[in-house]
Amino acid sequence: MKSSFLKRVLRRLLQVAVVVGLVIFLTVRDSRALTGPLFYAMPLPVLVVGAGVLGLTGQGRERRVWLGLAGVVAVGWLGTTVRLKSPAAGEPGTSFLLWNMDRPGRLSEPLVGKIRELGPDVVALVETEDFSRQICHEYETALPGWHAVRLGYGMAVIHRGVLNRWTMRHTGVRTHFAVMEFTLEHGPCRVILVDGDADPLHSRAADLAVLREAALEEPGTVILGDFNTPVTSAHFSPWRAGLTHAFTEAGRGVQESWPLGLPLLSLDHVWATRDLRWREAAHFRSRASDHDMVWARLVGER
């Protein structure tokens, strides 16, 4: 009897969670202090699974309702997350590789292999742990033609061309970011690398507002990093007026980049000012980190 009562309670809690999560997603998302943590904890794939469990364990009409809801949410999610853009073959451009390394503390062979395979102009790294001078030397030895630079606060960059200058800045809230100016094969490029605050109880509004302003200070800017904020966040809505998201514009595959290859949250982003054109973007899985690598390619001005 106690077991039956517990099952009914758990089922009711799951029903409430699915309904509340769906209402939050369709309305305020993370724009309110109270809804933000719930929005981050219940992305659409989680709601699909929850509704599916309720349907599979239900009876009669209730079973059909929950399975139908699971199907509708799944179709909606897939329609927003799956991108099937074809790459623009033959167009030269500047490419970027972004990765949250999950603190390896040593040279990463998977990273070296992917750099050799893709040949990116700029490799932006966060959560590098001990990216010492010795490790920089090891990367430069393993990757002739690239230069490795420790930026601070767990961030680093491996690049071709010339890094003319860089400064470390702070949003004034909880997030550090590096502003870099490169001269690359296809011209100058301003790059901003971000490692966003991961606290789910902390509103992203102020941090993302400062980062957006920094990105829009100059044209020809790429801003990328682990924002610890899904692309569906309400706080990214103002970004779309002046910036474009690489995977949304030119991606191929599933947009979510975390965790461990499971398509739950898109935390790692590459954006650019609207004078630049994205032509290709993709994610690559590595067992060395719980985050996917994100690769994107620009082909110059619009």
Protein backbone atom coordinates (compact mmCIF):
# COMPACT_ATOMS: atom_id res chain seq x y z
CA MET A 1 0.00 0.00 0.00
CA LYS A 2 2.82 2.38 0.87
CA SER A 3 4.49 1.49 -2.43
CA SER A 4 1.31 2.27 -4.37
CA PHE A 5 0.91 5.61 -2.58
CA LEU A 6 4.53 6.54 -3.28
CA LYS A 7 4.10 5.72 -6.97
CA ARG A 8 1.03 7.96 -7.19
CA VAL A 9 2.90 10.82 -5.50
CA LEU A 10 5.90 10.46 -7.79
CA ARG A 11 3.65 10.32 -10.84
CA ARG A 12 1.82 13.46 -9.79
CA LEU A 13 5.13 15.27 -9.17
CA LEU A 14 6.35 14.26 -12.62
CA GLN A 15 3.11 15.50 -14.18
CA VAL A 16 3.48 18.87 -12.46
CA ALA A 17 7.15 19.11 -13.46
CA VAL A 18 6.43 18.44 -17.15
CA VAL A 19 3.55 20.92 -17.30
CA VAL A 20 5.44 23.63 -15.39
CA GLY A 21 8.57 23.10 -17.50
CA LEU A 22 6.60 23.37 -20.74
CA VAL A 23 4.72 26.50 -19.59
CA ILE A 24 8.00 28.16 -18.58
CA PHE A 25 9.60 27.32 -21.93
CA LEU A 26 6.63 28.71 -23.88
CA THR A 27 6.38 31.91 -21.83
CA VAL A 28 9.01 33.55 -19.61
CA ARG A 29 11.87 31.03 -19.94
CA ASP A 30 14.78 32.33 -17.80
CA SER A 31 13.75 35.98 -17.78
CA ARG A 32 12.63 35.74 -14.12
CA ALA A 33 14.77 34.89 -11.11
CA LEU A 34 12.45 32.09 -10.01
CA THR A 35 12.00 30.48 -13.43
CA GLY A 36 15.63 30.54 -14.52
CA PRO A 37 16.82 27.50 -12.51
CA LEU A 38 13.74 25.52 -13.61
CA PHE A 39 14.30 26.48 -17.24
CA TYR A 40 17.91 25.28 -17.11
CA ALA A 41 16.98 22.06 -15.28
CA MET A 42 14.17 21.08 -17.64
CA PRO A 43 15.21 21.54 -21.28
CA LEU A 44 12.90 20.20 -23.96
CA PRO A 45 14.61 16.76 -24.22
CA VAL A 46 13.96 16.22 -20.50
CA LEU A 47 10.32 17.21 -20.94
CA VAL A 48 10.00 14.76 -23.85
CA VAL A 49 11.34 11.93 -21.69
CA GLY A 50 9.10 12.91 -18.76
CA ALA A 51 5.96 13.01 -20.89
CA GLY A 52 6.97 9.75 -22.56
CA VAL A 53 7.38 7.99 -19.20
CA LEU A 54 3.96 9.23 -18.10
CA GLY A 55 2.45 7.96 -21.35
CA LEU A 56 4.09 4.56 -21.27
CA THR A 57 3.06 3.98 -17.66
CA GLY A 58 -0.46 5.38 -18.07
CA GLN A 59 -3.73 3.81 -19.14
CA GLY A 60 -6.38 4.60 -21.71
CA ARG A 61 -6.99 8.25 -22.52
CA GLU A 62 -4.32 9.46 -20.12
CA ARG A 63 -1.78 7.31 -21.90
CA ARG A 64 -2.73 8.77 -25.28
CA VAL A 65 -2.62 12.35 -23.99
CA TRP A 66 0.87 12.06 -22.51
CA LEU A 67 2.29 10.17 -25.49
CA GLY A 68 0.74 12.74 -27.81
CA LEU A 69 2.28 15.56 -25.78
CA ALA A 70 5.66 13.82 -25.85
CA GLY A 71 5.41 13.55 -29.64
CA VAL A 72 4.46 17.19 -30.12
CA VAL A 73 7.27 18.45 -27.88
CA ALA A 74 9.76 16.10 -29.57
CA VAL A 75 8.82 17.40 -33.02
CA GLY A 76 9.07 21.00 -31.79
CA TRP A 77 12.46 20.37 -30.21
CA LEU A 78 13.87 18.58 -33.26
CA GLY A 79 12.62 21.36 -35.49
CA THR A 80 14.62 23.93 -33.53
CA THR A 81 17.76 21.95 -32.74
CA VAL A 82 18.54 19.89 -35.85
CA ARG A 83 20.28 21.77 -38.65
CA LEU A 84 20.99 20.29 -42.07
CA LYS A 85 22.75 23.12 -43.85
CA SER A 86 25.14 22.10 -46.63
CA PRO A 87 28.68 23.50 -46.42
CA ALA A 88 29.71 26.12 -48.95
CA ALA A 89 32.42 24.18 -50.74
CA GLY A 90 35.33 25.99 -52.29
CA GLU A 91 34.86 29.29 -50.47
CA PRO A 92 37.96 30.32 -48.51
CA GLY A 93 37.37 31.71 -45.06
CA THR A 94 38.39 31.98 -41.43
CA SER A 95 37.57 29.08 -39.14
CA PHE A 96 37.28 28.73 -35.38
CA LEU A 97 37.39 25.78 -33.01
CA LEU A 98 35.92 26.20 -29.52
CA TRP A 99 36.30 23.70 -26.69
CA ASN A 100 35.70 23.49 -22.97
CA MET A 101 38.60 21.15 -22.13
CA ASP A 102 37.32 20.12 -18.68
CA ARG A 103 40.70 20.82 -17.01
CA PRO A 104 43.09 18.28 -18.55
CA GLY A 105 46.25 19.77 -16.97
CA ARG A 106 48.38 18.47 -19.87
CA LEU A 107 48.60 18.46 -23.65
CA SER A 108 45.39 17.07 -25.14
CA GLU A 109 45.96 14.57 -27.95
CA PRO A 110 42.29 14.72 -29.08
CA LEU A 111 42.63 18.49 -29.46
CA VAL A 112 45.89 18.22 -31.39
CA GLY A 113 44.30 15.64 -33.69
CA LYS A 114 41.25 17.80 -34.37
CA ILE A 115 43.38 20.88 -35.08
CA ARG A 116 45.43 18.90 -37.58
CA GLU A 117 42.24 17.60 -39.20
CA LEU A 118 40.34 20.89 -39.46
CA GLY A 119 43.15 23.46 -39.63
CA PRO A 120 41.31 26.23 -37.75
CA ASP A 121 42.75 29.74 -37.68
CA VAL A 122 41.76 30.31 -34.06
CA VAL A 123 41.32 27.65 -31.37
CA ALA A 124 39.53 29.09 -28.32
CA LEU A 125 39.83 27.09 -25.11
CA VAL A 126 38.20 27.37 -21.70
CA GLU A 127 38.66 25.38 -18.48
CA THR A 128 42.26 24.65 -19.49
CA GLU A 129 43.49 24.24 -15.87
CA ASP A 130 47.32 24.50 -15.92
CA PHE A 131 48.04 25.94 -19.37
CA SER A 132 51.65 26.62 -18.46
CA ARG A 133 54.48 27.94 -20.61
CA GLN A 134 55.69 24.36 -20.94
CA ILE A 135 52.31 23.19 -22.23
CA CYS A 136 52.21 26.11 -24.68
CA HIS A 137 55.61 24.95 -25.97
CA GLU A 138 54.32 21.36 -26.31
CA TYR A 139 51.35 22.52 -28.41
CA GLU A 140 53.58 24.66 -30.63
CA THR A 141 55.94 21.70 -31.11
CA ALA A 142 53.05 19.37 -31.99
CA LEU A 143 51.41 21.98 -34.24
CA PRO A 144 53.97 23.78 -36.42
CA GLY A 145 52.55 27.07 -37.67
CA TRP A 146 50.29 27.62 -34.65
CA HIS A 147 51.06 29.70 -31.56
CA ALA A 148 49.73 28.94 -28.06
CA VAL A 149 48.93 31.69 -25.54
CA ARG A 150 47.69 31.44 -21.97
CA LEU A 151 45.14 34.21 -21.41
CA GLY A 152 44.26 33.67 -17.75
CA TYR A 153 41.18 32.62 -15.78
CA GLY A 154 41.37 29.17 -17.34
CA MET A 155 41.29 30.49 -20.92
CA ALA A 156 43.83 30.04 -23.70
CA VAL A 157 44.12 30.40 -27.46
CA ILE A 158 46.02 28.50 -30.15
CA HIS A 159 46.20 30.46 -33.37
CA ARG A 160 47.73 30.99 -36.77
CA GLY A 161 48.67 34.44 -38.00
CA VAL A 162 49.47 37.22 -35.55
CA LEU A 163 47.82 38.04 -32.23
CA ASN A 164 48.36 41.80 -32.23
CA ARG A 165 47.00 42.52 -28.76
CA TRP A 166 44.64 41.18 -26.14
CA THR A 167 43.08 42.37 -22.90
CA MET A 168 41.21 40.58 -20.14
CA ARG A 169 37.93 42.17 -19.10
CA HIS A 170 35.16 41.47 -16.61
CA THR A 171 31.42 41.90 -16.93
CA GLY A 172 31.26 43.46 -13.48
CA VAL A 173 29.14 40.54 -12.36
CA ARG A 174 30.69 37.05 -12.53
CA THR A 175 32.16 36.47 -15.97
CA HIS A 176 35.66 37.13 -17.36
CA PHE A 177 36.30 37.48 -21.08
CA ALA A 178 39.32 38.07 -23.31
CA VAL A 179 39.24 40.55 -26.19
CA MET A 180 41.79 39.71 -28.91
CA GLU A 181 42.77 41.35 -32.19
CA PHE A 182 44.26 39.08 -34.86
CA THR A 183 45.75 39.47 -38.29
CA LEU A 184 44.87 36.21 -40.03
CA GLU A 185 45.27 34.86 -43.54
CA HIS A 186 42.02 36.41 -44.75
CA GLY A 187 42.39 39.70 -42.88
CA PRO A 188 41.94 41.22 -39.44
CA CYS A 189 39.53 39.70 -36.96
CA ARG A 190 38.44 40.73 -33.49
CA VAL A 191 37.69 37.75 -31.23
CA ILE A 192 36.10 37.68 -27.78
CA LEU A 193 36.47 34.51 -25.69
CA VAL A 194 34.01 33.94 -22.83
CA ASP A 195 33.83 31.54 -19.91
CA GLY A 196 30.41 32.21 -18.41
CA ASP A 197 29.32 31.74 -14.83
CA ALA A 198 27.86 28.26 -14.26
CA ASP A 199 25.70 28.96 -11.21
CA PRO A 200 22.11 28.03 -12.22
CA LEU A 201 20.74 30.33 -9.51
CA HIS A 202 22.51 33.37 -10.98
CA SER A 203 20.65 35.39 -13.62
CA ARG A 204 22.49 35.66 -16.93
CA ALA A 205 20.87 39.00 -17.82
CA ALA A 206 23.62 41.42 -16.71
CA ASP A 207 26.52 39.28 -17.95
CA LEU A 208 25.02 38.73 -21.41
CA ALA A 209 24.11 42.42 -21.75
CA VAL A 210 27.73 43.44 -21.11
CA LEU A 211 29.07 40.76 -23.48
CA ARG A 212 26.68 41.86 -26.22
CA GLU A 213 27.81 45.47 -25.87
CA ALA A 214 31.46 44.39 -26.05
CA ALA A 215 30.81 42.37 -29.21
CA LEU A 216 29.03 45.27 -30.91
CA GLU A 217 31.78 47.80 -30.15
CA GLU A 218 33.40 47.03 -33.52
CA PRO A 219 32.34 45.27 -36.73
CA GLY A 220 34.18 42.13 -37.77
CA THR A 221 33.86 40.60 -34.30
CA VAL A 222 33.45 36.94 -33.36
CA ILE A 223 32.37 36.18 -29.79
CA LEU A 224 32.56 32.57 -28.64
CA GLY A 225 32.86 30.47 -25.51
CA ASP A 226 31.13 28.37 -22.91
CA PHE A 227 28.34 30.74 -21.94
CA ASN A 228 26.75 28.17 -19.60
CA THR A 229 23.47 29.43 -21.05
CA PRO A 230 21.33 27.63 -23.66
CA VAL A 231 20.76 29.34 -26.99
CA THR A 232 17.02 29.32 -26.23
CA SER A 233 17.57 31.65 -23.26
CA ALA A 234 15.42 34.79 -23.18
CA HIS A 235 18.61 36.77 -22.52
CA PHE A 236 19.94 35.91 -25.98
CA SER A 237 16.93 37.50 -27.71
CA PRO A 238 18.55 40.99 -27.89
CA TRP A 239 21.66 39.43 -29.40
CA ARG A 240 19.86 38.45 -32.59
CA ALA A 241 19.38 42.07 -33.63
CA GLY A 242 23.12 42.61 -34.15
CA LEU A 243 24.71 39.16 -34.07
CA THR A 244 24.28 35.81 -35.80
CA HIS A 245 24.70 32.38 -34.23
CA ALA A 246 27.01 30.10 -36.25
CA PHE A 247 25.17 26.83 -35.68
CA THR A 248 21.73 28.35 -36.18
CA GLU A 249 22.86 29.96 -39.44
CA ALA A 250 25.05 27.25 -40.93
CA GLY A 251 25.12 24.22 -38.66
CA ARG A 252 24.84 20.57 -39.54
CA GLY A 253 23.72 18.15 -36.82
CA VAL A 254 22.27 18.70 -33.35
CA GLN A 255 22.71 22.07 -31.68
CA GLU A 256 23.14 20.88 -28.08
CA SER A 257 26.77 20.60 -26.94
CA TRP A 258 26.46 19.22 -23.38
CA PRO A 259 26.78 16.79 -21.60
CA LEU A 260 28.85 13.82 -22.77
CA GLY A 261 27.27 13.76 -26.20
CA LEU A 262 23.71 13.77 -24.85
CA PRO A 263 21.60 16.49 -26.53
CA LEU A 264 20.42 18.33 -23.42
CA LEU A 265 21.78 21.90 -23.45
CA SER A 266 23.51 24.13 -26.00
CA LEU A 267 26.00 25.87 -23.70
CA ASP A 268 28.87 26.46 -26.13
CA HIS A 269 28.28 29.15 -28.73
CA VAL A 270 29.96 30.97 -31.60
CA TRP A 271 28.41 34.30 -32.64
CA ALA A 272 29.52 37.06 -35.03
CA THR A 273 28.50 40.60 -35.90
CA ARG A 274 26.12 40.76 -38.82
CA ASP A 275 28.70 42.09 -41.28
CA LEU A 276 30.23 38.58 -41.25
CA ARG A 277 28.72 35.49 -42.90
CA TRP A 278 28.70 32.01 -41.41
CA ARG A 279 29.03 29.25 -43.98
CA GLU A 280 29.62 26.09 -41.97
CA ALA A 281 29.36 24.84 -38.37
CA ALA A 282 29.53 21.45 -36.67
CA HIS A 283 30.03 19.75 -33.30
CA PHE A 284 32.56 17.04 -32.54
CA ARG A 285 32.43 14.65 -29.58
CA SER A 286 35.48 13.74 -27.49
CA ARG A 287 35.63 11.51 -24.43
CA ALA A 288 38.21 13.88 -22.97
CA SER A 289 35.53 16.41 -21.97
CA ASP A 290 31.82 16.57 -21.16
CA HIS A 291 31.49 19.36 -23.76
CA ASP A 292 31.51 18.96 -27.54
CA MET A 293 34.04 20.82 -29.66
CA VAL A 294 32.33 23.50 -31.76
CA TRP A 295 33.76 24.35 -35.17
CA ALA A 296 32.57 27.20 -37.40
CA ARG A 297 33.75 28.89 -40.59
CA LEU A 298 33.25 32.43 -41.86
CA VAL A 299 33.55 33.56 -45.47
CA GLY A 300 34.01 37.29 -44.99
CA GLU A 301 31.61 40.18 -45.24
CA ARG A 302 27.99 40.03 -46.34
